[in-house]
N, C-alpha and C. Protein backbone atom coordinates (compact mmCIF):
# COMPACT_ATOMS: atom_id res chain seq x y z
N MET A 1 -11.12 -65.15 26.55
CA MET A 1 -12.03 -65.00 27.66
C MET A 1 -13.03 -63.89 27.31
N SER A 2 -14.28 -64.21 27.22
CA SER A 2 -15.32 -63.23 26.94
C SER A 2 -15.65 -62.49 28.23
N VAL A 3 -15.30 -61.22 28.29
CA VAL A 3 -15.38 -60.48 29.54
C VAL A 3 -16.12 -59.16 29.35
N ARG A 4 -16.96 -58.85 30.28
CA ARG A 4 -17.62 -57.55 30.30
C ARG A 4 -17.06 -56.66 31.39
N HIS A 5 -16.64 -57.25 32.50
CA HIS A 5 -16.17 -56.48 33.65
C HIS A 5 -14.65 -56.37 33.64
N VAL A 6 -14.19 -55.14 33.69
CA VAL A 6 -12.75 -54.90 33.64
C VAL A 6 -12.39 -53.87 34.70
N ALA A 7 -11.27 -54.09 35.36
CA ALA A 7 -10.74 -53.11 36.30
C ALA A 7 -9.33 -52.76 35.87
N VAL A 8 -8.97 -51.52 36.10
CA VAL A 8 -7.59 -51.11 35.89
C VAL A 8 -7.07 -50.56 37.21
N TRP A 9 -5.98 -51.19 37.69
CA TRP A 9 -5.28 -50.70 38.87
C TRP A 9 -4.11 -49.90 38.31
N ILE A 10 -3.99 -48.64 38.73
CA ILE A 10 -3.00 -47.77 38.11
C ILE A 10 -2.28 -46.93 39.15
N ASP A 11 -0.97 -46.80 38.96
CA ASP A 11 -0.18 -45.85 39.73
C ASP A 11 0.84 -45.23 38.78
N ARG A 12 1.84 -44.57 39.29
CA ARG A 12 2.81 -43.87 38.42
C ARG A 12 3.79 -44.80 37.71
N GLN A 13 3.93 -46.03 38.20
CA GLN A 13 4.88 -46.95 37.59
C GLN A 13 4.26 -47.93 36.61
N GLU A 14 2.98 -48.28 36.83
CA GLU A 14 2.37 -49.31 35.99
C GLU A 14 0.85 -49.25 36.08
N ALA A 15 0.26 -49.98 35.16
CA ALA A 15 -1.18 -50.23 35.21
C ALA A 15 -1.36 -51.73 35.03
N LYS A 16 -2.33 -52.27 35.75
CA LYS A 16 -2.70 -53.68 35.58
C LYS A 16 -4.16 -53.70 35.16
N VAL A 17 -4.42 -54.30 34.01
CA VAL A 17 -5.78 -54.39 33.49
C VAL A 17 -6.28 -55.79 33.76
N PHE A 18 -7.38 -55.90 34.50
CA PHE A 18 -7.96 -57.18 34.91
C PHE A 18 -9.28 -57.40 34.20
N HIS A 19 -9.36 -58.45 33.39
CA HIS A 19 -10.61 -58.91 32.80
C HIS A 19 -11.13 -59.99 33.74
N VAL A 20 -12.27 -59.76 34.35
CA VAL A 20 -12.76 -60.63 35.41
C VAL A 20 -14.11 -61.22 35.02
N ASP A 21 -14.23 -62.53 35.21
CA ASP A 21 -15.53 -63.20 35.06
C ASP A 21 -15.75 -64.04 36.31
N PRO A 22 -16.90 -64.66 36.46
CA PRO A 22 -17.18 -65.40 37.70
C PRO A 22 -16.21 -66.54 38.00
N LYS A 23 -15.54 -67.08 37.00
CA LYS A 23 -14.68 -68.25 37.20
C LYS A 23 -13.20 -67.93 37.26
N GLY A 24 -12.80 -66.76 36.81
CA GLY A 24 -11.38 -66.46 36.79
C GLY A 24 -11.11 -65.04 36.37
N PHE A 25 -9.84 -64.77 36.10
CA PHE A 25 -9.44 -63.45 35.63
C PHE A 25 -8.19 -63.56 34.78
N ASP A 26 -8.00 -62.53 33.98
CA ASP A 26 -6.84 -62.42 33.12
C ASP A 26 -6.25 -61.04 33.38
N ALA A 27 -4.96 -60.96 33.64
CA ALA A 27 -4.34 -59.68 33.96
C ALA A 27 -3.26 -59.33 32.93
N LYS A 28 -3.21 -58.07 32.56
CA LYS A 28 -2.20 -57.57 31.63
C LYS A 28 -1.51 -56.39 32.31
N ARG A 29 -0.21 -56.34 32.23
CA ARG A 29 0.58 -55.27 32.85
C ARG A 29 1.07 -54.30 31.78
N ILE A 30 0.93 -53.01 32.07
CA ILE A 30 1.43 -51.96 31.18
C ILE A 30 2.36 -51.09 32.00
N GLU A 31 3.61 -51.01 31.58
CA GLU A 31 4.58 -50.20 32.32
C GLU A 31 4.54 -48.75 31.87
N ALA A 32 4.65 -47.85 32.83
CA ALA A 32 4.76 -46.43 32.52
C ALA A 32 6.20 -46.13 32.14
N PRO A 33 6.39 -45.11 31.31
CA PRO A 33 7.77 -44.71 31.02
C PRO A 33 8.44 -44.23 32.30
N HIS A 34 9.70 -44.56 32.46
CA HIS A 34 10.41 -44.18 33.68
C HIS A 34 11.19 -42.90 33.44
N HIS A 35 10.69 -41.83 34.02
CA HIS A 35 11.34 -40.53 33.93
C HIS A 35 11.40 -39.94 35.33
N HIS A 36 12.41 -39.16 35.55
CA HIS A 36 12.54 -38.50 36.84
C HIS A 36 11.46 -37.42 36.96
N LEU A 37 10.78 -37.41 38.08
CA LEU A 37 9.75 -36.41 38.33
C LEU A 37 10.22 -35.45 39.40
N THR A 38 9.99 -34.18 39.18
CA THR A 38 10.23 -33.24 40.26
C THR A 38 9.06 -33.35 41.22
N ARG A 39 9.26 -33.01 42.44
CA ARG A 39 8.18 -33.09 43.44
C ARG A 39 6.99 -32.24 43.02
N LYS A 40 7.24 -31.04 42.51
CA LYS A 40 6.15 -30.15 42.10
C LYS A 40 5.37 -30.75 40.93
N ALA A 41 6.06 -31.31 39.94
CA ALA A 41 5.37 -31.92 38.79
C ALA A 41 4.53 -33.10 39.25
N GLU A 42 5.07 -33.89 40.18
CA GLU A 42 4.32 -35.04 40.67
C GLU A 42 3.07 -34.59 41.41
N GLU A 43 3.18 -33.56 42.23
CA GLU A 43 2.04 -33.05 42.98
C GLU A 43 0.97 -32.49 42.05
N GLN A 44 1.37 -31.97 40.92
CA GLN A 44 0.42 -31.38 39.98
C GLN A 44 -0.10 -32.39 38.97
N GLY A 45 0.33 -33.63 39.07
CA GLY A 45 -0.18 -34.67 38.19
C GLY A 45 0.45 -34.67 36.80
N HIS A 46 1.62 -34.08 36.66
CA HIS A 46 2.28 -34.04 35.36
C HIS A 46 3.54 -34.90 35.39
N HIS A 47 3.69 -35.75 34.42
CA HIS A 47 4.92 -36.49 34.31
C HIS A 47 5.18 -36.81 32.84
N ALA A 48 6.47 -36.83 32.49
CA ALA A 48 6.85 -37.07 31.12
C ALA A 48 6.38 -38.44 30.66
N GLY A 49 5.82 -38.51 29.47
CA GLY A 49 5.36 -39.77 28.92
C GLY A 49 3.98 -40.18 29.41
N GLY A 50 3.37 -39.38 30.24
CA GLY A 50 2.07 -39.73 30.82
C GLY A 50 0.99 -39.90 29.78
N GLU A 51 0.95 -39.06 28.79
CA GLU A 51 -0.10 -39.16 27.77
C GLU A 51 -0.01 -40.48 27.02
N ARG A 52 1.20 -40.87 26.66
CA ARG A 52 1.37 -42.15 25.94
C ARG A 52 0.97 -43.33 26.83
N PHE A 53 1.36 -43.27 28.09
CA PHE A 53 1.00 -44.30 29.05
C PHE A 53 -0.52 -44.40 29.16
N PHE A 54 -1.20 -43.27 29.31
CA PHE A 54 -2.65 -43.28 29.44
C PHE A 54 -3.32 -43.76 28.15
N GLN A 55 -2.75 -43.45 26.99
CA GLN A 55 -3.28 -43.96 25.72
C GLN A 55 -3.18 -45.47 25.66
N ASP A 56 -2.06 -46.01 26.13
CA ASP A 56 -1.88 -47.47 26.14
C ASP A 56 -2.89 -48.14 27.07
N VAL A 57 -3.13 -47.53 28.22
CA VAL A 57 -4.10 -48.09 29.17
C VAL A 57 -5.50 -48.03 28.56
N ALA A 58 -5.86 -46.90 27.97
CA ALA A 58 -7.18 -46.76 27.35
C ALA A 58 -7.36 -47.79 26.23
N ALA A 59 -6.33 -48.03 25.45
CA ALA A 59 -6.42 -49.02 24.37
C ALA A 59 -6.66 -50.42 24.93
N ALA A 60 -6.08 -50.73 26.08
CA ALA A 60 -6.28 -52.04 26.69
C ALA A 60 -7.70 -52.22 27.23
N LEU A 61 -8.44 -51.13 27.38
CA LEU A 61 -9.81 -51.16 27.91
C LEU A 61 -10.87 -51.09 26.82
N LYS A 62 -10.47 -51.04 25.57
CA LYS A 62 -11.41 -50.76 24.47
C LYS A 62 -12.56 -51.76 24.34
N ASP A 63 -12.37 -53.02 24.74
CA ASP A 63 -13.41 -54.03 24.60
C ASP A 63 -14.27 -54.21 25.84
N ALA A 64 -14.02 -53.43 26.87
CA ALA A 64 -14.74 -53.59 28.14
C ALA A 64 -16.11 -52.93 28.08
N ASP A 65 -17.10 -53.60 28.67
CA ASP A 65 -18.43 -53.01 28.79
C ASP A 65 -18.53 -52.13 30.03
N LYS A 66 -17.96 -52.61 31.13
CA LYS A 66 -18.00 -51.90 32.40
C LYS A 66 -16.60 -51.84 32.98
N ILE A 67 -16.20 -50.66 33.42
CA ILE A 67 -14.83 -50.46 33.87
C ILE A 67 -14.82 -49.86 35.27
N LEU A 68 -13.94 -50.39 36.11
CA LEU A 68 -13.67 -49.85 37.43
C LEU A 68 -12.21 -49.41 37.44
N VAL A 69 -11.95 -48.18 37.84
CA VAL A 69 -10.59 -47.65 37.91
C VAL A 69 -10.20 -47.57 39.37
N VAL A 70 -9.09 -48.21 39.73
CA VAL A 70 -8.63 -48.24 41.12
C VAL A 70 -7.13 -47.96 41.17
N GLY A 71 -6.67 -47.59 42.36
CA GLY A 71 -5.25 -47.38 42.57
C GLY A 71 -5.01 -46.60 43.84
N PRO A 72 -3.74 -46.54 44.25
CA PRO A 72 -3.40 -45.91 45.52
C PRO A 72 -3.13 -44.41 45.44
N SER A 73 -2.94 -43.88 44.26
CA SER A 73 -2.47 -42.49 44.15
C SER A 73 -3.34 -41.68 43.19
N SER A 74 -2.87 -40.50 42.89
CA SER A 74 -3.61 -39.60 41.99
C SER A 74 -3.49 -40.01 40.53
N ALA A 75 -2.72 -41.03 40.21
CA ALA A 75 -2.59 -41.46 38.81
C ALA A 75 -3.94 -41.86 38.24
N LYS A 76 -4.81 -42.44 39.06
CA LYS A 76 -6.14 -42.83 38.57
C LYS A 76 -6.95 -41.60 38.16
N LEU A 77 -6.78 -40.51 38.89
CA LEU A 77 -7.50 -39.28 38.54
C LEU A 77 -6.90 -38.62 37.29
N ASP A 78 -5.59 -38.70 37.15
CA ASP A 78 -4.96 -38.20 35.94
C ASP A 78 -5.40 -39.01 34.73
N PHE A 79 -5.54 -40.32 34.90
CA PHE A 79 -6.04 -41.17 33.82
C PHE A 79 -7.47 -40.76 33.45
N LEU A 80 -8.30 -40.52 34.45
CA LEU A 80 -9.68 -40.08 34.18
C LEU A 80 -9.71 -38.76 33.42
N ARG A 81 -8.84 -37.84 33.81
CA ARG A 81 -8.77 -36.56 33.08
C ARG A 81 -8.40 -36.79 31.62
N HIS A 82 -7.48 -37.71 31.39
CA HIS A 82 -7.08 -38.05 30.02
C HIS A 82 -8.29 -38.60 29.25
N VAL A 83 -9.02 -39.51 29.87
CA VAL A 83 -10.18 -40.12 29.21
C VAL A 83 -11.25 -39.06 28.93
N LEU A 84 -11.51 -38.18 29.88
CA LEU A 84 -12.50 -37.11 29.68
C LEU A 84 -12.14 -36.22 28.49
N LYS A 85 -10.86 -36.00 28.31
CA LYS A 85 -10.40 -35.12 27.24
C LYS A 85 -10.29 -35.81 25.88
N HIS A 86 -9.92 -37.11 25.88
CA HIS A 86 -9.56 -37.75 24.63
C HIS A 86 -10.42 -38.94 24.20
N ASP A 87 -11.23 -39.50 25.08
CA ASP A 87 -11.92 -40.75 24.73
C ASP A 87 -13.30 -40.81 25.36
N HIS A 88 -14.25 -40.11 24.77
CA HIS A 88 -15.60 -40.02 25.34
C HIS A 88 -16.33 -41.36 25.34
N ALA A 89 -16.06 -42.23 24.39
CA ALA A 89 -16.70 -43.54 24.36
C ALA A 89 -16.26 -44.37 25.57
N LEU A 90 -15.01 -44.29 25.92
CA LEU A 90 -14.50 -45.01 27.08
C LEU A 90 -15.05 -44.40 28.37
N GLU A 91 -15.15 -43.10 28.40
CA GLU A 91 -15.67 -42.40 29.58
C GLU A 91 -17.03 -42.94 30.01
N ALA A 92 -17.90 -43.19 29.08
CA ALA A 92 -19.25 -43.65 29.38
C ALA A 92 -19.27 -45.03 30.02
N ARG A 93 -18.20 -45.80 29.85
CA ARG A 93 -18.16 -47.17 30.38
C ARG A 93 -17.46 -47.27 31.73
N ILE A 94 -16.91 -46.16 32.21
CA ILE A 94 -16.27 -46.15 33.53
C ILE A 94 -17.37 -45.94 34.56
N LEU A 95 -17.60 -46.96 35.38
CA LEU A 95 -18.69 -46.91 36.35
C LEU A 95 -18.24 -46.51 37.74
N GLY A 96 -16.96 -46.57 38.00
CA GLY A 96 -16.51 -46.22 39.34
C GLY A 96 -15.03 -45.97 39.42
N VAL A 97 -14.66 -45.24 40.45
CA VAL A 97 -13.27 -44.96 40.77
C VAL A 97 -13.11 -45.19 42.27
N GLU A 98 -12.16 -46.03 42.64
CA GLU A 98 -11.97 -46.39 44.04
C GLU A 98 -10.49 -46.31 44.40
N THR A 99 -10.22 -45.97 45.64
CA THR A 99 -8.85 -45.98 46.13
C THR A 99 -8.55 -47.33 46.75
N LEU A 100 -7.56 -48.01 46.20
CA LEU A 100 -7.08 -49.29 46.72
C LEU A 100 -5.57 -49.23 46.77
N ASP A 101 -5.00 -49.73 47.84
CA ASP A 101 -3.56 -49.67 48.00
C ASP A 101 -2.86 -50.61 47.03
N HIS A 102 -2.36 -51.72 47.48
CA HIS A 102 -1.64 -52.67 46.64
C HIS A 102 -2.14 -54.08 46.91
N PRO A 103 -3.36 -54.41 46.44
CA PRO A 103 -3.88 -55.76 46.67
C PRO A 103 -3.15 -56.77 45.78
N THR A 104 -3.24 -58.04 46.18
CA THR A 104 -2.73 -59.09 45.31
C THR A 104 -3.68 -59.19 44.11
N ASP A 105 -3.26 -59.88 43.08
CA ASP A 105 -4.12 -60.05 41.91
C ASP A 105 -5.43 -60.74 42.29
N GLY A 106 -5.34 -61.77 43.12
CA GLY A 106 -6.53 -62.49 43.55
C GLY A 106 -7.47 -61.61 44.37
N GLN A 107 -6.91 -60.80 45.26
CA GLN A 107 -7.73 -59.88 46.06
C GLN A 107 -8.44 -58.87 45.17
N LEU A 108 -7.73 -58.36 44.18
CA LEU A 108 -8.35 -57.38 43.29
C LEU A 108 -9.45 -58.03 42.45
N ALA A 109 -9.23 -59.23 41.97
CA ALA A 109 -10.26 -59.92 41.19
C ALA A 109 -11.51 -60.14 42.04
N ALA A 110 -11.34 -60.53 43.30
CA ALA A 110 -12.48 -60.72 44.20
C ALA A 110 -13.20 -59.39 44.44
N TYR A 111 -12.45 -58.33 44.61
CA TYR A 111 -13.04 -57.00 44.81
C TYR A 111 -13.87 -56.59 43.59
N VAL A 112 -13.34 -56.84 42.42
CA VAL A 112 -14.04 -56.49 41.18
C VAL A 112 -15.33 -57.30 41.04
N ARG A 113 -15.26 -58.59 41.31
CA ARG A 113 -16.48 -59.41 41.26
C ARG A 113 -17.54 -58.88 42.20
N HIS A 114 -17.15 -58.56 43.43
CA HIS A 114 -18.08 -58.05 44.42
C HIS A 114 -18.64 -56.69 43.98
N TYR A 115 -17.78 -55.82 43.50
CA TYR A 115 -18.20 -54.48 43.06
C TYR A 115 -19.22 -54.58 41.93
N PHE A 116 -18.92 -55.36 40.92
CA PHE A 116 -19.82 -55.44 39.77
C PHE A 116 -21.07 -56.27 40.06
N HIS A 117 -20.99 -57.20 40.99
CA HIS A 117 -22.20 -57.94 41.36
C HIS A 117 -23.22 -56.96 41.94
N GLY A 118 -22.79 -56.07 42.80
CA GLY A 118 -23.69 -55.05 43.34
C GLY A 118 -24.21 -54.13 42.26
N GLU A 119 -23.37 -53.74 41.35
CA GLU A 119 -23.77 -52.87 40.23
C GLU A 119 -24.79 -53.59 39.34
N ASP A 120 -24.52 -54.86 39.04
CA ASP A 120 -25.44 -55.63 38.20
C ASP A 120 -26.78 -55.84 38.89
N ARG A 121 -26.76 -56.05 40.20
CA ARG A 121 -28.01 -56.19 40.95
C ARG A 121 -28.84 -54.91 40.87
N LEU A 122 -28.19 -53.77 41.03
CA LEU A 122 -28.91 -52.50 40.94
C LEU A 122 -29.54 -52.31 39.57
N ARG A 123 -28.89 -52.80 38.54
CA ARG A 123 -29.40 -52.65 37.18
C ARG A 123 -30.35 -53.79 36.79
N GLY A 124 -30.59 -54.74 37.71
CA GLY A 124 -31.51 -55.84 37.46
C GLY A 124 -30.95 -56.91 36.54
N LEU A 125 -29.62 -57.00 36.42
CA LEU A 125 -29.00 -57.97 35.52
C LEU A 125 -28.76 -59.31 36.18
N VAL A 126 -28.70 -59.35 37.51
CA VAL A 126 -28.55 -60.61 38.26
C VAL A 126 -29.50 -60.58 39.44
N PRO A 127 -29.88 -61.77 39.93
CA PRO A 127 -30.79 -61.81 41.09
C PRO A 127 -30.11 -61.41 42.38
């Protein structure tokens, strides 16, 4: 599937990478390592294995032209911090960060299409 628009839905347990085009979508799931978190570590955005998890998510986004990062918790912000520190090429392709609870795959794909249609219109790429 030749895709330019990609969204990653991320929380502390998993990330779902959605390659979305006008006719369909393809989703890939990446599991986070399961480690016990103390309440304080969780509040501060630190968890064991987080760097490896974020590296795996970033690698799944390497072919994306435009990226939307979504999720219900602070994991999306921790992922952004990782990208800012370790992957400047990926950083430039992240166009937005949005808070979304737990949509179905179909709901998320529709949200991504709508989000990027507006972005593409602003950039003059679609009528």
